[in-house]
Protein backbone atom coordinates (compact mmCIF):
# COMPACT_ATOMS: atom_id res chain seq x y z
CA MET A 1 -0.08 -0.03 0.28
CA THR A 2 1.56 3.55 -0.42
CA ASP A 3 1.77 6.32 1.75
CA SER A 4 -1.71 8.37 2.39
CA LEU A 5 -2.08 11.85 2.03
CA ASN A 6 -4.43 13.82 3.62
CA ALA A 7 -4.55 17.23 1.61
CA ALA A 8 -7.54 18.32 4.03
CA THR A 9 -5.35 18.79 6.89
CA GLY A 10 -2.23 20.59 5.19
CA GLY A 11 -0.89 17.37 3.19
CA GLU A 12 0.73 15.40 6.00
CA ILE A 13 1.82 11.81 4.95
CA PHE A 14 1.42 9.04 7.03
CA PRO A 15 3.14 5.47 6.70
CA PRO A 16 1.31 2.76 5.48
CA ILE A 17 -0.85 1.63 8.02
CA ASP A 18 1.18 -2.08 8.28
CA ALA A 19 3.94 0.06 8.90
CA ILE A 20 2.04 1.71 12.13
CA ILE A 21 0.14 -1.11 13.84
CA PRO A 22 1.37 -5.00 14.06
CA HIS A 23 -2.09 -6.56 12.61
CA ARG A 24 -1.29 -8.51 9.55
CA GLY A 25 -3.47 -10.37 7.15
CA THR A 26 -7.08 -10.42 7.20
CA MET A 27 -6.69 -9.06 10.68
CA LEU A 28 -5.64 -5.47 9.49
CA LEU A 29 -9.08 -3.83 9.07
CA LEU A 30 -7.89 -0.51 8.69
CA ASP A 31 -6.65 0.82 4.99
CA ALA A 32 -5.20 4.25 6.02
CA VAL A 33 -4.87 6.96 8.35
CA CYS A 34 -6.50 10.28 7.43
CA ALA A 35 -5.32 12.57 10.29
CA CYS A 36 -3.66 12.43 13.70
CA SER A 37 -3.16 14.64 16.31
CA ASP A 38 -1.82 14.34 19.99
CA GLU A 39 -5.18 13.67 20.79
CA SER A 40 -6.67 12.23 17.58
CA LEU A 41 -6.54 10.15 15.06
CA SER A 42 -8.90 9.00 12.12
CA ALA A 43 -8.72 6.13 9.99
CA GLU A 44 -9.96 4.85 6.66
CA ALA A 45 -11.68 1.04 6.38
CA SER A 46 -13.33 -0.71 3.57
CA VAL A 47 -15.72 -3.55 4.27
CA ARG A 48 -14.54 -6.36 2.09
CA ALA A 49 -17.18 -8.74 0.78
CA ASP A 50 -15.06 -11.64 1.13
CA ALA A 51 -13.23 -10.95 4.56
CA TRP A 52 -13.64 -13.68 7.50
CA TYR A 53 -15.86 -11.44 9.21
CA ALA A 54 -18.65 -11.03 6.00
CA ASP A 55 -22.38 -12.14 6.48
CA ALA A 56 -24.04 -13.76 3.56
CA GLN A 57 -24.59 -10.27 1.92
CA GLY A 58 -21.07 -9.49 2.33
CA ALA A 59 -21.54 -7.06 5.14
CA MET A 60 -19.69 -6.17 8.31
CA PRO A 61 -21.46 -7.06 11.51
CA ALA A 62 -21.67 -3.83 13.40
CA TRP A 63 -20.16 -5.66 16.20
CA ILE A 64 -16.34 -6.03 14.33
CA GLY A 65 -16.58 -1.96 15.08
CA ILE A 66 -15.04 -2.46 18.46
CA GLU A 67 -11.94 -4.18 16.46
CA LEU A 68 -11.82 -1.21 14.10
CA MET A 69 -12.10 1.09 16.94
CA ALA A 70 -9.13 -0.48 18.78
CA GLN A 71 -6.70 -0.96 15.55
CA ALA A 72 -7.37 3.04 15.21
CA ILE A 73 -6.47 3.46 18.86
CA ALA A 74 -3.34 1.45 18.17
CA ALA A 75 -2.30 3.56 15.26
CA HIS A 76 -2.91 6.84 17.56
CA VAL A 77 -0.22 5.00 20.08
CA GLY A 78 1.95 4.16 17.25
CA LEU A 79 1.93 7.21 15.40
CA LEU A 80 2.76 9.04 18.92
CA SER A 81 5.43 6.60 19.18
CA MET A 82 7.08 7.21 15.66
CA ARG A 83 7.11 11.04 16.29
CA ALA A 84 8.90 10.70 19.32
CA GLY A 85 11.51 8.22 17.80
CA GLU A 86 10.32 5.34 20.25
CA ALA A 87 9.30 1.95 18.95
CA ALA A 88 5.60 1.51 19.71
CA ARG A 89 4.76 -0.76 22.80
CA PRO A 90 2.18 -3.46 22.30
CA GLY A 91 -1.08 -2.73 24.35
CA VAL A 92 -4.24 -4.66 25.32
CA LEU A 93 -8.10 -3.63 24.85
CA LEU A 94 -9.44 -3.97 28.41
CA GLY A 95 -12.98 -3.56 27.01
CA THR A 96 -15.99 -0.76 26.27
CA ARG A 97 -17.89 0.77 28.96
CA ARG A 98 -20.72 1.37 25.93
CA PHE A 99 -20.49 0.25 22.50
CA THR A 100 -23.87 1.61 20.40
CA ALA A 101 -24.38 0.82 16.86
CA LEU A 102 -26.77 2.58 14.99
CA ARG A 103 -27.11 -0.35 12.18
CA ASP A 104 -26.55 -3.68 12.49
CA ALA A 105 -23.80 -4.35 10.09
CA PHE A 106 -21.95 -2.35 7.37
CA ALA A 107 -22.91 -2.72 3.72
CA ALA A 108 -20.16 -4.63 1.63
CA GLY A 109 -17.76 -1.99 -0.14
CA ALA A 110 -19.02 0.73 2.38
CA PRO A 111 -16.34 3.53 3.17
CA LEU A 112 -15.69 3.86 6.76
CA ARG A 113 -14.54 6.42 8.92
CA VAL A 114 -13.08 5.71 12.19
CA SER A 115 -12.23 8.46 14.52
CA VAL A 116 -10.72 7.97 18.03
CA ASN A 117 -10.27 10.59 20.42
CA GLU A 118 -8.34 10.47 23.85
CA LEU A 119 -10.05 10.89 26.80
CA LEU A 120 -7.41 9.51 29.42
CA ARG A 121 -3.80 8.68 29.75
CA SER A 122 -1.79 7.70 32.78
CA ASP A 123 1.54 7.26 33.58
CA GLU A 124 0.67 3.69 34.71
CA GLY A 125 -0.47 2.70 30.95
CA HIS A 126 -3.90 3.26 31.18
CA GLY A 127 -5.89 5.02 28.61
CA ALA A 128 -9.62 5.87 27.28
CA TYR A 129 -10.73 6.91 24.00
CA GLY A 130 -14.14 8.45 22.53
CA CYS A 131 -14.37 6.29 19.35
CA THR A 132 -16.87 6.68 16.50
CA ILE A 133 -17.66 5.39 12.78
CA GLU A 134 -19.25 7.11 10.29
CA GLN A 135 -20.29 6.24 7.02
CA ASP A 136 -20.36 9.34 4.33
CA GLY A 137 -20.73 11.90 7.57
CA VAL A 138 -23.56 9.48 9.26
CA LEU A 139 -22.79 8.33 12.82
CA CYS A 140 -23.03 4.31 12.55
CA ALA A 141 -21.44 3.55 16.01
CA GLU A 142 -19.93 4.93 18.85
CA ALA A 143 -17.95 3.42 22.00
CA THR A 144 -15.84 4.35 24.88
CA ILE A 145 -13.14 1.95 24.70
CA LYS A 146 -10.24 1.42 27.46
CA VAL A 147 -6.85 0.37 27.00
CA TYR A 148 -3.76 -0.78 28.81
CA GLN A 149 -0.16 -0.57 27.41
CA PRO A 150 2.28 -2.05 30.40
CA HIS A 151 5.62 -0.98 30.57
CA ASP A 152 6.49 -4.55 30.53
CA PHE A 153 4.61 -6.66 27.80
CA GLN A 154 5.88 -9.99 28.38
CA THR A 155 5.90 -10.06 31.90
CA PHE A 156 2.19 -8.83 31.94
CA ILE A 157 1.32 -11.43 29.66
CA GLU A 158 3.33 -14.12 31.58
CA GLU A 159 1.96 -12.78 34.56
CA ASN A 160 -1.89 -12.97 33.61
CA SER A 161 -1.52 -16.06 31.87
CA ARG A 162 -0.69 -18.07 34.84
CA ALA A 163 -4.44 -17.18 36.17
């Protein structure tokens, strides 16, 4: 994929999405970053009719929107790390306090805009984001997503896999 360019925000060029987040293959749901600030990010995604999540009509069930939001959060954290000259550290999705889908599914071929806005960031690695998914400027889903980025991811995984 080529670099994405967002002329509407001054023409900032972002790296390809697979250079920003670790997702690969069929689990990479975002297409490109459109805009990014210290507190927010917006990204594009396309509903693929032949994807693993597609229903009989080729649509994406609305609940997959949580993963779209999580990947946009990962892109935000990744770009902030890149801008600081650091490697992005892995994180985990803790959950959502509220996920509201205003439709049951996103139609095959639908262009989606996923936006995330940082609500909370702690020195301990906890964060929360207000997230939305829009299609053609119409709100389709929204949520508050909670995330955690441990300072030592490997130790975090090892300690929590013993439970």
